[in-house]
């Protein structure tokens, strides 16, 4: 059975969490690291993917941000 590296990161900003995941994914794919499990959470966020349309956020980005909800464009 392979070892599993478990990392408890606590609360991190959404975009920072994604960046960490991408860096680790590359290292795992290159064989530098074994399996990794990240335990983390982030503040509320809406993600807008490649197929998102302007009206997908019914009340708009400004409203979301005023409520403390971040809006992030993603590549997915």
C-alpha atoms as a PDB file:
ATOM      1  CA  UNK A   1       0.000   0.000   0.000  1.00  0.00           C
ATOM      2  CA  UNK A   2       1.349   3.438  -0.972  1.00  0.00           C
ATOM      3  CA  UNK A   3       1.767   6.222   1.558  1.00  0.00           C
ATOM      4  CA  UNK A   4      -0.706   9.079   1.532  1.00  0.00           C
ATOM      5  CA  UNK A   5       0.503  12.566   2.428  1.00  0.00           C
ATOM      6  CA  UNK A   6      -2.308  14.391   4.256  1.00  0.00           C
ATOM      7  CA  UNK A   7      -2.006  18.174   4.527  1.00  0.00           C
ATOM      8  CA  UNK A   8      -4.394  20.144   6.730  1.00  0.00           C
ATOM      9  CA  UNK A   9      -4.154  23.701   5.421  1.00  0.00           C
ATOM     10  CA  UNK A  10      -7.034  25.240   7.344  1.00  0.00           C
ATOM     11  CA  UNK A  11      -8.739  28.197   5.690  1.00  0.00           C
ATOM     12  CA  UNK A  12      -7.080  29.568   2.555  1.00  0.00           C
ATOM     13  CA  UNK A  13      -8.339  31.925  -0.166  1.00  0.00           C
ATOM     14  CA  UNK A  14      -9.977  30.003  -3.029  1.00  0.00           C
ATOM     15  CA  UNK A  15      -7.442  31.022  -5.678  1.00  0.00           C
ATOM     16  CA  UNK A  16      -4.503  30.147  -3.408  1.00  0.00           C
ATOM     17  CA  UNK A  17      -6.012  26.707  -2.799  1.00  0.00           C
ATOM     18  CA  UNK A  18      -6.365  26.122  -6.543  1.00  0.00           C
ATOM     19  CA  UNK A  19      -2.750  27.200  -7.096  1.00  0.00           C
ATOM     20  CA  UNK A  20      -1.518  24.786  -4.420  1.00  0.00           C
ATOM     21  CA  UNK A  21      -3.536  21.956  -5.972  1.00  0.00           C
ATOM     22  CA  UNK A  22      -2.156  22.654  -9.446  1.00  0.00           C
ATOM     23  CA  UNK A  23       1.461  22.730  -8.237  1.00  0.00           C
ATOM     24  CA  UNK A  24       1.017  19.471  -6.336  1.00  0.00           C
ATOM     25  CA  UNK A  25      -0.793  17.831  -9.261  1.00  0.00           C
ATOM     26  CA  UNK A  26       2.183  18.574 -11.503  1.00  0.00           C
ATOM     27  CA  UNK A  27       4.607  17.097  -8.982  1.00  0.00           C
ATOM     28  CA  UNK A  28       2.485  13.961  -8.555  1.00  0.00           C
ATOM     29  CA  UNK A  29       2.201  13.520 -12.329  1.00  0.00           C
ATOM     30  CA  UNK A  30       5.984  13.906 -12.689  1.00  0.00           C
ATOM     31  CA  UNK A  31       6.542  11.251 -10.034  1.00  0.00           C
ATOM     32  CA  UNK A  32       8.127  13.637  -7.527  1.00  0.00           C
ATOM     33  CA  UNK A  33       5.361  13.047  -4.961  1.00  0.00           C
ATOM     34  CA  UNK A  34       3.099  10.161  -4.073  1.00  0.00           C
ATOM     35  CA  UNK A  35      -0.573  10.549  -3.354  1.00  0.00           C
ATOM     36  CA  UNK A  36      -1.624  13.755  -1.600  1.00  0.00           C
ATOM     37  CA  UNK A  37      -4.835  14.692   0.196  1.00  0.00           C
ATOM     38  CA  UNK A  38      -5.433  18.377   0.943  1.00  0.00           C
ATOM     39  CA  UNK A  39      -7.863  19.302   3.694  1.00  0.00           C
ATOM     40  CA  UNK A  40      -8.836  22.947   3.425  1.00  0.00           C
ATOM     41  CA  UNK A  41     -11.721  25.346   3.281  1.00  0.00           C
ATOM     42  CA  UNK A  42     -12.310  28.766   1.792  1.00  0.00           C
ATOM     43  CA  UNK A  43     -14.760  31.615   2.205  1.00  0.00           C
ATOM     44  CA  UNK A  44     -17.907  31.596   0.036  1.00  0.00           C
ATOM     45  CA  UNK A  45     -17.150  31.867  -3.676  1.00  0.00           C
ATOM     46  CA  UNK A  46     -18.990  31.583  -6.982  1.00  0.00           C
ATOM     47  CA  UNK A  47     -16.890  30.135  -9.768  1.00  0.00           C
ATOM     48  CA  UNK A  48     -17.603  31.115 -13.344  1.00  0.00           C
ATOM     49  CA  UNK A  49     -16.385  28.545 -15.845  1.00  0.00           C
ATOM     50  CA  UNK A  50     -15.727  28.691 -19.555  1.00  0.00           C
ATOM     51  CA  UNK A  51     -19.419  28.274 -20.371  1.00  0.00           C
ATOM     52  CA  UNK A  52     -20.684  30.798 -17.839  1.00  0.00           C
ATOM     53  CA  UNK A  53     -22.852  33.569 -19.214  1.00  0.00           C
ATOM     54  CA  UNK A  54     -23.223  37.145 -17.919  1.00  0.00           C
ATOM     55  CA  UNK A  55     -26.661  36.414 -16.449  1.00  0.00           C
ATOM     56  CA  UNK A  56     -25.565  33.338 -14.486  1.00  0.00           C
ATOM     57  CA  UNK A  57     -25.247  35.433 -11.335  1.00  0.00           C
ATOM     58  CA  UNK A  58     -28.808  36.660 -11.050  1.00  0.00           C
ATOM     59  CA  UNK A  59     -27.986  39.669  -8.880  1.00  0.00           C
ATOM     60  CA  UNK A  60     -24.566  40.315 -10.397  1.00  0.00           C
ATOM     61  CA  UNK A  61     -20.954  40.252  -9.271  1.00  0.00           C
ATOM     62  CA  UNK A  62     -21.147  43.527  -7.348  1.00  0.00           C
ATOM     63  CA  UNK A  63     -24.036  42.229  -5.235  1.00  0.00           C
ATOM     64  CA  UNK A  64     -22.209  38.976  -4.523  1.00  0.00           C
ATOM     65  CA  UNK A  65     -19.084  40.803  -3.433  1.00  0.00           C
ATOM     66  CA  UNK A  66     -21.130  43.143  -1.221  1.00  0.00           C
ATOM     67  CA  UNK A  67     -22.429  40.006   0.546  1.00  0.00           C
ATOM     68  CA  UNK A  68     -18.860  38.769   1.100  1.00  0.00           C
ATOM     69  CA  UNK A  69     -19.036  36.214  -1.728  1.00  0.00           C
ATOM     70  CA  UNK A  70     -16.033  36.262  -4.015  1.00  0.00           C
ATOM     71  CA  UNK A  71     -16.524  35.707  -7.765  1.00  0.00           C
ATOM     72  CA  UNK A  72     -13.707  33.894  -9.565  1.00  0.00           C
ATOM     73  CA  UNK A  73     -13.326  33.019 -13.247  1.00  0.00           C
ATOM     74  CA  UNK A  74     -11.947  29.502 -13.729  1.00  0.00           C
ATOM     75  CA  UNK A  75     -10.601  27.457 -16.636  1.00  0.00           C
ATOM     76  CA  UNK A  76     -13.094  24.649 -16.038  1.00  0.00           C
END
